[in-house]
N, C-alpha and C. Protein backbone atom coordinates (compact mmCIF):
# COMPACT_ATOMS: atom_id res chain seq x y z
N UNK A 1 96.72 107.05 70.11
CA UNK A 1 97.17 106.71 72.36
C UNK A 1 96.86 107.89 73.04
N UNK A 2 95.85 106.54 73.74
CA UNK A 2 94.81 106.59 74.55
C UNK A 2 96.51 107.48 75.91
N UNK A 3 95.29 108.50 76.35
CA UNK A 3 95.67 109.42 77.19
C UNK A 3 96.34 108.50 78.48
N UNK A 4 97.16 109.11 79.28
CA UNK A 4 97.84 107.84 80.61
C UNK A 4 97.12 108.16 81.82
N UNK A 5 97.00 107.28 82.97
CA UNK A 5 97.31 108.34 84.65
C UNK A 5 98.04 106.82 84.84
N UNK A 6 98.62 107.52 85.88
CA UNK A 6 99.53 106.14 86.88
C UNK A 6 98.93 105.97 88.15
N UNK A 7 98.30 105.21 88.25
CA UNK A 7 97.35 104.65 90.04
C UNK A 7 98.46 103.72 90.98
N UNK A 8 98.53 105.00 91.42
CA UNK A 8 99.56 104.23 92.51
C UNK A 8 99.27 103.58 94.40
N UNK A 9 98.98 102.55 93.89
CA UNK A 9 98.21 101.95 95.73
C UNK A 9 99.32 101.37 96.97
N UNK A 10 98.24 100.58 97.67
CA UNK A 10 98.96 100.15 99.00
C UNK A 10 98.08 100.07 99.70
N UNK A 11 97.99 98.65 99.91
CA UNK A 11 96.92 97.71 99.35
C UNK A 11 95.71 97.83 101.80
N UNK A 12 96.96 98.24 102.08
CA UNK A 12 97.00 98.93 103.73
C UNK A 12 95.98 100.16 103.78
N UNK A 13 96.75 100.94 102.15
CA UNK A 13 95.22 102.64 102.68
C UNK A 13 93.68 102.42 102.23
N UNK A 14 93.21 102.50 103.60
CA UNK A 14 91.65 103.25 102.98
C UNK A 14 91.35 104.08 101.37
N UNK A 15 91.77 105.29 101.92
CA UNK A 15 91.53 106.20 100.92
C UNK A 15 92.02 105.28 99.13
N UNK A 16 92.78 104.51 99.75
CA UNK A 16 93.83 103.66 98.70
C UNK A 16 92.16 103.41 98.16
N UNK A 17 91.49 103.01 98.56
CA UNK A 17 90.74 101.36 98.41
C UNK A 17 89.16 101.86 98.11
N UNK A 18 88.97 103.48 98.42
CA UNK A 18 88.58 104.26 96.95
C UNK A 18 88.63 104.91 95.34
N UNK A 19 89.20 104.63 96.21
CA UNK A 19 90.40 105.34 94.15
C UNK A 19 89.93 104.01 93.91
N UNK A 20 90.54 102.37 94.15
CA UNK A 20 90.27 101.49 93.47
C UNK A 20 88.87 100.91 93.01
N UNK A 21 87.46 101.88 93.87
CA UNK A 21 86.51 101.17 93.16
C UNK A 21 86.09 102.44 92.17
N UNK A 22 86.22 102.66 92.12
CA UNK A 22 86.18 104.73 91.10
C UNK A 22 86.93 104.65 90.23
N UNK A 23 87.92 104.35 89.97
CA UNK A 23 89.18 105.16 88.96
C UNK A 23 89.26 104.37 87.61
N UNK A 24 88.12 103.04 87.16
CA UNK A 24 88.30 102.57 85.64
C UNK A 24 87.43 103.56 85.03
N UNK A 25 85.66 103.79 86.28
CA UNK A 25 84.95 103.77 85.46
C UNK A 25 84.97 104.93 84.88
N UNK A 26 85.61 106.07 85.88
CA UNK A 26 85.50 107.42 85.27
C UNK A 26 86.63 108.08 84.60
N UNK A 27 88.10 107.28 84.76
CA UNK A 27 89.23 106.91 83.76
C UNK A 27 88.85 107.08 82.62
N UNK A 28 87.69 105.55 82.23
CA UNK A 28 87.48 106.09 80.50
C UNK A 28 86.12 106.46 79.90
N UNK A 29 85.54 107.12 81.52
CA UNK A 29 83.70 107.94 80.88
C UNK A 29 84.92 109.96 80.41
N UNK A 30 86.09 109.15 80.97
CA UNK A 30 87.39 110.83 79.37
C UNK A 30 87.66 110.01 79.21
N UNK A 31 88.02 108.76 78.77
CA UNK A 31 89.63 108.36 77.68
C UNK A 31 90.62 108.29 77.86
N UNK A 32 90.74 108.15 79.21
CA UNK A 32 91.90 107.49 79.60
C UNK A 32 92.03 105.93 80.35
N UNK A 33 93.78 106.37 80.33
CA UNK A 33 93.93 104.23 80.42
C UNK A 33 94.89 103.94 82.03
N UNK A 34 94.03 104.32 82.19
CA UNK A 34 95.40 103.76 83.73
C UNK A 34 96.32 102.21 83.76
N UNK A 35 97.01 102.87 84.93
CA UNK A 35 98.08 101.89 84.50
C UNK A 35 98.38 101.85 86.39
N UNK A 36 98.18 100.66 86.42
CA UNK A 36 98.04 100.17 88.70
C UNK A 36 99.25 99.94 88.73
N UNK A 37 99.84 101.34 89.80
CA UNK A 37 101.02 100.66 90.34
C UNK A 37 101.38 99.67 92.01
N UNK A 38 101.00 98.86 92.33
CA UNK A 38 101.04 98.49 93.57
C UNK A 38 102.58 98.64 94.12
N UNK A 39 102.91 99.07 94.89
CA UNK A 39 104.34 99.78 96.08
C UNK A 39 103.64 99.67 97.36
N UNK A 40 105.03 100.03 98.35
CA UNK A 40 105.26 99.40 99.40
C UNK A 40 104.69 100.59 100.70
N UNK A 41 104.42 101.32 101.48
CA UNK A 41 104.66 102.51 102.54
C UNK A 41 105.57 102.26 103.23
N UNK A 42 104.96 101.52 104.37
CA UNK A 42 106.12 100.93 104.71
C UNK A 42 107.63 101.30 105.02
N UNK A 43 107.77 100.82 103.95
CA UNK A 43 109.35 102.25 103.90
C UNK A 43 109.61 103.54 103.38
N UNK A 44 108.80 103.91 102.75
CA UNK A 44 108.41 105.55 102.61
C UNK A 44 107.92 105.60 104.29
N UNK A 45 106.89 105.64 104.75
CA UNK A 45 107.03 106.25 106.61
C UNK A 45 108.00 105.76 107.15
N UNK A 46 108.99 104.22 107.22
CA UNK A 46 109.74 104.68 108.39
C UNK A 46 110.78 105.49 107.72
N UNK A 47 111.17 105.74 106.36
CA UNK A 47 112.05 106.72 106.30
C UNK A 47 111.17 108.61 106.89
N UNK A 48 110.34 108.41 107.42
CA UNK A 48 110.21 109.35 108.37
C UNK A 48 109.55 108.99 109.12
N UNK A 49 110.14 108.24 110.33
CA UNK A 49 110.47 107.44 111.06
C UNK A 49 108.98 106.97 112.04
N UNK A 50 108.37 106.98 110.68
CA UNK A 50 107.34 106.65 111.42
C UNK A 50 107.35 105.04 111.80
N UNK A 51 106.68 104.33 112.66
CA UNK A 51 107.02 103.00 112.34
C UNK A 51 104.97 102.62 112.51
N UNK A 52 103.81 102.83 112.36
CA UNK A 52 102.83 102.42 111.62
C UNK A 52 101.85 103.77 110.99
N UNK A 53 101.13 102.77 110.78
CA UNK A 53 99.96 104.02 110.30
C UNK A 53 100.15 105.34 110.97
N UNK A 54 100.42 106.48 110.30
CA UNK A 54 99.68 107.85 110.62
C UNK A 54 98.18 108.26 111.30
N UNK A 55 97.92 107.19 111.35
CA UNK A 55 96.26 107.21 111.45
C UNK A 55 96.37 106.41 112.39
N UNK A 56 97.22 105.64 113.01
CA UNK A 56 97.50 105.22 114.41
C UNK A 56 98.44 106.35 115.57
N UNK A 57 99.51 106.59 114.54
CA UNK A 57 100.30 108.19 115.60
C UNK A 57 99.39 108.47 116.26
N UNK A 58 98.93 109.67 115.46
CA UNK A 58 98.00 110.42 115.57
C UNK A 58 96.32 110.06 115.73
N UNK A 59 95.71 110.07 116.69
CA UNK A 59 94.55 109.41 117.16
C UNK A 59 93.09 110.35 116.36
N UNK A 60 93.91 111.21 116.84
CA UNK A 60 92.40 112.02 116.27
C UNK A 60 92.71 112.27 114.91
N UNK A 61 93.51 111.90 114.00
CA UNK A 61 93.40 111.73 112.98
C UNK A 61 92.87 110.20 112.01
N UNK A 62 92.90 109.47 113.00
CA UNK A 62 92.70 108.94 112.53
C UNK A 62 90.99 108.25 112.63
N UNK A 63 90.92 108.50 113.74
CA UNK A 63 89.18 108.88 114.44
C UNK A 63 88.18 109.87 112.97
N UNK A 64 89.35 111.09 112.61
CA UNK A 64 89.20 111.55 111.37
C UNK A 64 88.69 110.39 110.88
N UNK A 65 89.45 109.97 110.24
CA UNK A 65 89.46 109.02 108.92
C UNK A 65 88.11 108.10 109.24
N UNK A 66 88.03 107.56 110.06
CA UNK A 66 87.37 105.91 109.56
C UNK A 66 85.45 106.61 109.99
N UNK A 67 86.03 107.55 110.49
CA UNK A 67 84.00 108.33 109.63
C UNK A 67 84.63 108.74 108.60
N UNK A 68 85.01 109.82 108.43
CA UNK A 68 85.66 109.88 107.18
C UNK A 68 84.72 109.32 105.52
N UNK A 69 85.71 107.67 106.14
CA UNK A 69 85.90 106.53 105.39
C UNK A 69 84.57 106.70 105.12
N UNK A 70 84.19 106.10 105.45
CA UNK A 70 82.05 106.24 106.34
C UNK A 70 81.08 107.40 106.07
N UNK A 71 81.39 107.86 105.75
CA UNK A 71 80.63 109.14 105.58
C UNK A 71 80.91 108.99 103.06
N UNK A 72 81.99 108.65 103.25
CA UNK A 72 82.05 108.60 102.20
C UNK A 72 81.65 107.31 101.21
N UNK A 73 82.51 107.10 101.83
CA UNK A 73 81.31 104.59 101.78
C UNK A 73 79.92 105.05 100.84
N UNK A 74 78.89 105.22 102.44
CA UNK A 74 77.68 105.86 101.46
C UNK A 74 77.52 106.89 100.75
N UNK A 75 78.04 107.66 101.00
CA UNK A 75 77.35 108.49 99.89
C UNK A 75 77.89 108.37 98.53
N UNK A 76 78.60 107.20 98.12
CA UNK A 76 78.94 106.67 96.74
C UNK A 76 78.58 105.40 96.76
N UNK A 77 77.86 105.13 97.63
CA UNK A 77 77.79 102.91 97.58
C UNK A 77 78.49 102.74 97.18
N UNK A 78 79.52 102.14 98.35
CA UNK A 78 80.56 101.90 98.63
C UNK A 78 80.56 100.67 99.54
N UNK A 79 80.86 100.15 99.55
CA UNK A 79 80.46 98.84 100.81
C UNK A 79 81.59 98.76 101.51
N UNK A 80 81.41 99.09 102.59
CA UNK A 80 82.98 99.44 103.98
C UNK A 80 82.01 98.53 105.92
N UNK A 81 83.13 98.23 105.91
CA UNK A 81 83.24 97.36 107.10
C UNK A 81 84.45 97.69 108.36
N UNK A 82 84.36 98.88 108.37
CA UNK A 82 86.28 99.18 109.68
C UNK A 82 86.55 97.68 109.35
N UNK A 83 88.04 97.58 109.40
CA UNK A 83 88.61 96.04 109.09
C UNK A 83 88.80 96.03 111.13
N UNK A 84 89.18 94.73 111.69
CA UNK A 84 89.22 95.01 112.72
C UNK A 84 91.38 94.76 113.23
N UNK A 85 91.02 94.88 112.15
CA UNK A 85 92.83 95.31 112.87
C UNK A 85 93.21 95.86 111.65
N UNK A 86 94.10 96.94 112.24
CA UNK A 86 94.22 98.18 111.35
C UNK A 86 95.75 98.54 111.02
N UNK A 87 97.07 98.68 110.27
CA UNK A 87 97.28 98.32 108.86
C UNK A 87 96.73 96.70 108.40
N UNK A 88 96.22 96.14 107.16
CA UNK A 88 96.77 94.22 107.42
C UNK A 88 97.52 94.40 106.88
N UNK A 89 99.26 93.62 107.05
CA UNK A 89 100.23 93.57 105.93
C UNK A 89 99.92 93.25 104.42
N UNK A 90 99.55 94.03 103.46
CA UNK A 90 99.19 94.01 102.14
C UNK A 90 100.73 93.21 101.90
N UNK A 91 101.85 92.58 102.21
CA UNK A 91 103.14 92.32 101.34
C UNK A 91 102.47 91.25 100.24
N UNK A 92 101.67 89.98 100.54
CA UNK A 92 102.05 89.03 99.43
C UNK A 92 100.43 88.96 98.81
N UNK A 93 100.41 89.79 99.15
CA UNK A 93 99.14 90.53 97.51
C UNK A 93 99.68 91.49 97.33
N UNK A 94 100.65 91.97 97.37
CA UNK A 94 101.47 93.78 96.45
C UNK A 94 102.07 92.69 95.72
N UNK A 95 102.79 92.07 95.77
CA UNK A 95 103.74 91.43 95.66
C UNK A 95 103.12 89.58 93.97
N UNK A 96 101.49 89.48 94.78
CA UNK A 96 100.96 89.03 93.18
C UNK A 96 100.40 89.79 92.94
N UNK A 97 100.20 91.23 92.94
CA UNK A 97 99.58 92.35 92.34
C UNK A 97 101.26 92.53 91.48
N UNK A 98 102.52 92.90 91.39
CA UNK A 98 103.68 92.58 91.18
C UNK A 98 103.40 92.10 89.73
N UNK A 99 103.14 90.84 90.52
CA UNK A 99 103.61 89.89 88.72
C UNK A 99 102.36 90.17 88.37
N UNK A 100 100.54 90.35 88.33
CA UNK A 100 99.51 90.70 87.55
C UNK A 100 100.38 91.68 86.26
N UNK A 101 101.13 93.14 87.36
CA UNK A 101 101.60 94.06 86.15
C UNK A 101 101.39 94.66 84.86
N UNK A 102 100.95 95.40 84.35
CA UNK A 102 101.43 94.83 83.12
C UNK A 102 99.81 94.27 82.13
N UNK A 103 98.96 93.80 83.08
CA UNK A 103 98.13 92.56 82.47
C UNK A 103 97.15 93.13 82.75
N UNK A 104 94.85 92.71 82.48
CA UNK A 104 93.86 92.84 82.02
C UNK A 104 93.89 92.51 83.86
N UNK A 105 94.50 91.29 84.16
CA UNK A 105 94.15 91.23 85.48
C UNK A 105 94.70 91.92 86.86
N UNK A 106 95.10 92.71 86.43
CA UNK A 106 95.30 93.11 88.45
C UNK A 106 94.89 93.98 88.47
N UNK A 107 93.63 94.91 87.88
CA UNK A 107 92.88 95.75 88.34
C UNK A 107 91.55 94.99 89.35
N UNK A 108 90.87 93.79 88.79
CA UNK A 108 90.08 92.90 89.50
C UNK A 108 90.63 91.98 90.76
N UNK A 109 92.11 92.34 90.13
CA UNK A 109 93.14 90.88 91.81
C UNK A 109 92.55 92.10 92.88
N UNK A 110 92.79 93.58 92.83
CA UNK A 110 93.36 94.82 93.06
C UNK A 110 92.11 95.73 93.92
N UNK A 111 90.83 95.12 94.03
CA UNK A 111 89.99 96.01 93.26
C UNK A 111 89.16 94.81 94.64
N UNK A 112 89.19 93.60 94.56
CA UNK A 112 88.40 92.26 95.05
C UNK A 112 89.74 91.61 96.67
N UNK A 113 90.62 92.58 96.74
CA UNK A 113 91.81 92.73 97.64
C UNK A 113 91.42 93.56 98.85
N UNK A 114 90.48 95.03 97.75
CA UNK A 114 90.62 95.88 98.33
C UNK A 114 88.96 95.73 99.72
N UNK A 115 88.49 94.39 98.68
CA UNK A 115 86.69 94.49 99.55
C UNK A 115 86.88 93.22 100.09
N UNK A 116 87.62 92.60 100.39
CA UNK A 116 87.73 92.07 101.16
C UNK A 116 88.01 92.52 102.51
N UNK A 117 88.78 93.64 102.67
CA UNK A 117 90.03 93.77 103.70
C UNK A 117 89.22 94.87 103.84
N UNK A 118 88.06 95.80 103.04
CA UNK A 118 86.99 96.47 103.99
C UNK A 118 86.32 97.14 103.26
N UNK A 119 85.99 95.80 103.38
CA UNK A 119 84.07 95.48 102.70
C UNK A 119 83.51 94.36 103.80
N UNK A 120 84.82 93.50 103.52
CA UNK A 120 84.24 92.26 104.49
C UNK A 120 84.96 91.63 105.47
N UNK A 121 86.30 92.18 106.10
CA UNK A 121 86.61 91.90 107.16
C UNK A 121 88.12 91.54 107.33
N UNK A 122 88.22 90.31 106.07
CA UNK A 122 89.19 89.40 105.81
C UNK A 122 90.37 90.14 106.00
N UNK A 123 90.79 88.83 107.03
CA UNK A 123 92.29 88.84 106.98
C UNK A 123 93.40 88.52 105.35
N UNK A 124 93.46 89.91 104.48
CA UNK A 124 94.25 90.57 103.52
C UNK A 124 95.58 88.98 103.94
N UNK A 125 96.13 89.92 105.09
CA UNK A 125 98.10 88.63 105.34
C UNK A 125 97.70 86.62 104.32
N UNK A 126 96.91 86.71 104.59
CA UNK A 126 96.10 85.26 105.50
C UNK A 126 96.65 84.86 103.59
N UNK A 127 97.36 83.85 103.45
CA UNK A 127 97.64 83.10 101.70
C UNK A 127 96.48 82.33 101.37
N UNK A 128 95.33 82.03 102.24
CA UNK A 128 94.39 81.71 102.64
C UNK A 128 93.12 81.95 101.48
N UNK A 129 93.13 83.51 101.96
CA UNK A 129 92.43 83.97 101.82
C UNK A 129 92.44 85.29 101.28
N UNK A 130 94.21 85.50 100.36
CA UNK A 130 94.71 85.26 98.80
C UNK A 130 94.05 84.41 97.61
N UNK A 131 94.36 82.84 97.64
CA UNK A 131 94.33 81.34 97.22
C UNK A 131 92.19 81.96 96.81
N UNK A 132 91.72 82.84 97.63
CA UNK A 132 90.18 82.06 97.18
C UNK A 132 89.85 83.01 97.04
N UNK A 133 90.60 84.18 96.83
CA UNK A 133 90.40 85.34 96.09
C UNK A 133 90.51 85.46 94.07
N UNK A 134 91.60 84.32 94.02
CA UNK A 134 92.51 84.58 92.65
C UNK A 134 91.51 83.12 91.79
N UNK A 135 90.42 81.92 93.06
CA UNK A 135 89.38 81.40 93.26
C UNK A 135 88.81 82.23 91.94
N UNK A 136 88.52 82.80 92.83
CA UNK A 136 87.17 83.90 92.90
C UNK A 136 87.05 84.45 90.75
N UNK A 137 88.67 85.23 90.67
CA UNK A 137 88.31 85.48 90.39
C UNK A 137 88.63 84.70 88.81
N UNK A 138 89.02 83.43 88.59
CA UNK A 138 89.04 81.47 88.63
C UNK A 138 90.62 82.68 87.81
N UNK A 139 91.64 82.78 88.36
CA UNK A 139 92.98 83.40 88.07
C UNK A 139 93.81 82.39 88.04
N UNK A 140 95.18 81.76 88.06
CA UNK A 140 95.83 80.86 88.33
C UNK A 140 96.53 80.41 90.01
N UNK A 141 95.64 80.08 91.02
CA UNK A 141 95.55 80.55 92.10
C UNK A 141 97.60 80.29 92.70
N UNK A 142 97.25 78.24 92.91
CA UNK A 142 99.13 78.12 93.42
C UNK A 142 99.68 78.68 92.42
N UNK A 143 99.56 79.01 91.09
CA UNK A 143 101.27 79.31 90.16
C UNK A 143 100.91 80.58 91.22
N UNK A 144 100.67 81.92 90.57
CA UNK A 144 100.05 83.01 91.71
C UNK A 144 101.01 83.92 92.57
N UNK A 145 100.46 82.65 93.61
CA UNK A 145 101.02 82.97 95.49
C UNK A 145 102.14 82.56 94.77
N UNK A 146 102.98 81.19 94.21
CA UNK A 146 104.09 81.26 94.32
C UNK A 146 104.65 81.84 93.76
N UNK A 147 104.75 83.00 93.17
CA UNK A 147 105.26 84.04 92.61
C UNK A 147 105.37 84.88 93.12
N UNK A 148 104.12 85.18 93.85
CA UNK A 148 105.00 86.39 95.35
C UNK A 148 105.51 85.70 96.17
N UNK A 149 105.78 84.67 95.76
CA UNK A 149 107.39 84.22 96.52
C UNK A 149 108.74 84.80 96.02
N UNK A 150 108.51 84.75 94.60
CA UNK A 150 110.34 84.25 93.44
C UNK A 150 110.33 85.30 93.73
N UNK A 151 111.93 85.58 93.78
CA UNK A 151 113.37 86.35 93.46
C UNK A 151 112.60 87.82 92.96
N UNK A 152 112.74 87.54 92.01
CA UNK A 152 112.02 88.82 91.21
C UNK A 152 111.24 89.23 90.74
N UNK A 153 110.04 88.22 91.72
CA UNK A 153 108.87 89.48 92.55
C UNK A 153 109.89 90.56 93.29
N UNK A 154 109.80 89.88 94.09
CA UNK A 154 110.12 91.07 95.22
C UNK A 154 110.97 91.88 94.88
N UNK A 155 111.60 92.10 93.37
CA UNK A 155 112.70 93.14 93.22
C UNK A 155 111.54 94.42 92.78
N UNK A 156 111.01 93.04 91.92
CA UNK A 156 110.03 94.13 90.96
C UNK A 156 109.16 94.80 91.90
N UNK A 157 108.53 94.26 92.59
CA UNK A 157 107.55 95.22 94.48
C UNK A 157 108.42 96.69 94.75
N UNK A 158 110.32 95.58 95.22
CA UNK A 158 110.94 96.99 95.71
C UNK A 158 111.16 98.12 94.81
N UNK A 159 111.55 97.56 93.53
CA UNK A 159 111.83 98.69 92.46
C UNK A 159 110.27 98.93 92.24
N UNK A 160 109.50 99.08 92.75
CA UNK A 160 108.27 100.27 92.56
C UNK A 160 108.37 100.73 93.30
N UNK A 161 108.67 100.69 94.47
CA UNK A 161 108.44 101.39 95.85
C UNK A 161 109.40 102.34 95.41
N UNK A 162 111.34 101.45 94.83
CA UNK A 162 112.36 103.00 95.52
C UNK A 162 111.11 103.65 93.73
N UNK A 163 110.80 103.73 93.10
CA UNK A 163 110.89 105.25 92.11
C UNK A 163 109.27 105.07 92.71
N UNK A 164 108.13 104.97 93.20
CA UNK A 164 107.82 106.20 93.83
C UNK A 164 108.53 106.44 95.23
N UNK A 165 109.56 106.24 95.74
CA UNK A 165 110.27 107.54 96.72
C UNK A 165 111.76 108.18 95.21
N UNK A 166 111.40 107.87 94.76
CA UNK A 166 112.89 108.69 93.85
C UNK A 166 111.56 109.56 93.09
N UNK A 167 110.13 109.58 93.11
CA UNK A 167 109.58 109.89 92.48
C UNK A 167 108.34 111.69 92.61
N UNK A 168 108.95 110.73 94.28
CA UNK A 168 107.88 112.04 95.09
C UNK A 168 107.56 111.21 96.95
N UNK A 169 106.63 110.40 95.36
CA UNK A 169 105.46 109.54 96.21
C UNK A 169 105.02 109.68 98.22
N UNK A 170 104.54 109.94 98.87
CA UNK A 170 104.25 109.53 100.88
C UNK A 170 103.89 109.41 100.87
N UNK A 171 102.45 109.25 100.08
CA UNK A 171 101.39 108.83 99.70
C UNK A 171 100.26 107.23 99.70
N UNK A 172 99.54 107.17 99.73
CA UNK A 172 98.64 105.81 98.40
C UNK A 172 97.66 106.57 98.78
N UNK A 173 96.01 107.05 98.17
CA UNK A 173 96.89 106.75 97.16
C UNK A 173 97.35 107.85 96.30
N UNK A 174 98.09 107.83 94.85
CA UNK A 174 98.78 108.39 94.23
C UNK A 174 98.21 107.89 92.70
N UNK A 175 98.67 109.57 92.02
CA UNK A 175 98.50 110.14 90.35
C UNK A 175 99.30 110.38 90.23
N UNK A 176 99.77 110.17 88.89
CA UNK A 176 100.97 110.29 87.88
C UNK A 176 100.12 111.02 86.46
N UNK A 177 100.23 111.34 86.42
CA UNK A 177 99.83 112.06 84.80
C UNK A 177 101.21 112.34 84.40
N UNK A 178 102.27 111.58 83.42
CA UNK A 178 103.54 112.39 82.78
C UNK A 178 104.82 112.94 84.87
N UNK A 179 105.08 113.29 84.63
CA UNK A 179 105.74 114.02 85.76
C UNK A 179 105.05 114.10 87.14
N UNK A 180 103.64 115.18 87.08
CA UNK A 180 103.10 115.93 87.55
C UNK A 180 102.36 114.93 88.34
N UNK A 181 102.41 114.87 89.52
CA UNK A 181 101.49 114.84 91.39
C UNK A 181 100.61 114.09 91.62
N UNK A 182 99.89 113.87 92.13
CA UNK A 182 98.23 113.60 92.85
C UNK A 182 98.63 113.39 93.59
N UNK A 183 97.87 113.76 95.27
CA UNK A 183 98.43 112.71 95.99
C UNK A 183 96.24 112.63 96.67
N UNK A 184 96.03 111.65 97.00
CA UNK A 184 94.97 111.64 97.49
C UNK A 184 93.66 110.76 96.63
N UNK A 185 92.84 110.27 97.25
CA UNK A 185 91.87 109.97 96.19
C UNK A 185 90.65 111.39 96.16
N UNK A 186 90.62 112.61 96.59
CA UNK A 186 90.11 113.79 96.07
C UNK A 186 90.77 114.05 95.60
N UNK A 187 91.83 114.54 94.61
CA UNK A 187 92.86 114.15 93.74
C UNK A 187 92.09 113.72 92.38
N UNK A 188 91.32 112.94 92.43
CA UNK A 188 91.69 112.17 91.50
C UNK A 188 91.10 112.88 90.24
N UNK A 189 89.74 112.89 90.92
CA UNK A 189 88.93 114.22 89.07
C UNK A 189 89.99 115.13 88.48
N UNK A 190 90.92 115.52 88.89
CA UNK A 190 91.66 116.30 88.95
C UNK A 190 92.96 115.84 88.01
N UNK A 191 93.21 114.85 88.35
CA UNK A 191 94.55 114.18 87.77
C UNK A 191 93.13 113.67 86.52
N UNK A 192 92.69 113.00 86.67
CA UNK A 192 91.96 112.30 85.11
C UNK A 192 92.06 113.71 84.19
N UNK A 193 91.14 114.94 85.42
CA UNK A 193 90.69 116.00 84.16
C UNK A 193 92.18 117.00 82.94
N UNK A 194 93.84 116.39 83.84
CA UNK A 194 95.06 116.60 83.52
C UNK A 194 94.66 115.61 82.69
N UNK A 195 95.07 114.51 82.60
CA UNK A 195 95.73 113.65 81.85
C UNK A 195 94.47 113.44 80.40
N UNK A 196 93.60 114.34 80.49
CA UNK A 196 92.24 113.56 79.01
C UNK A 196 93.08 115.50 78.44
N UNK A 197 93.85 116.07 78.87
CA UNK A 197 93.38 117.67 78.16
C UNK A 197 94.34 117.31 77.02
N UNK A 198 94.16 118.68 76.15
CA UNK A 198 94.45 118.07 74.58
C UNK A 198 95.96 118.58 74.96
């Protein structure tokens, strides 16, 4: 059985975009299976008394993040265009992701949503944008968008978020190797190293 790494991601997260672009290739190189886990940061931030992204609440931190993303994307050869609205709501996209959880279609969908938001500056909160993404992937767009509005999928995403909170997740991206938590895109290599260890 292949080693496993859980990748907890949020569509509004800039650094999760970078991780989503790199994780599958890096994991394949060390024979680690990636389990993609969508969740929402909003309830976690609310629990800390935040009503917005910390990158908006703390302007110096935000200014650093935007420049850091520019540098990292340039160095890694990843397309980058700062979104004109930040953070954008990824709620419906996250619900569609929850509907795809456990399938081999989740990763390409997640990467396409991130690319739309952070490389093309498209409004991922708009159902028509998500519909276009799904059609470009040759997925059942109408069915998946409908599933994203159904109660069982809402409950599943809420359960993912509750699980993240129980396990100590406080930001995205986060990675788990069994019960060991790694936070931040710069910890991806360390998490993969632990997952791949004998």
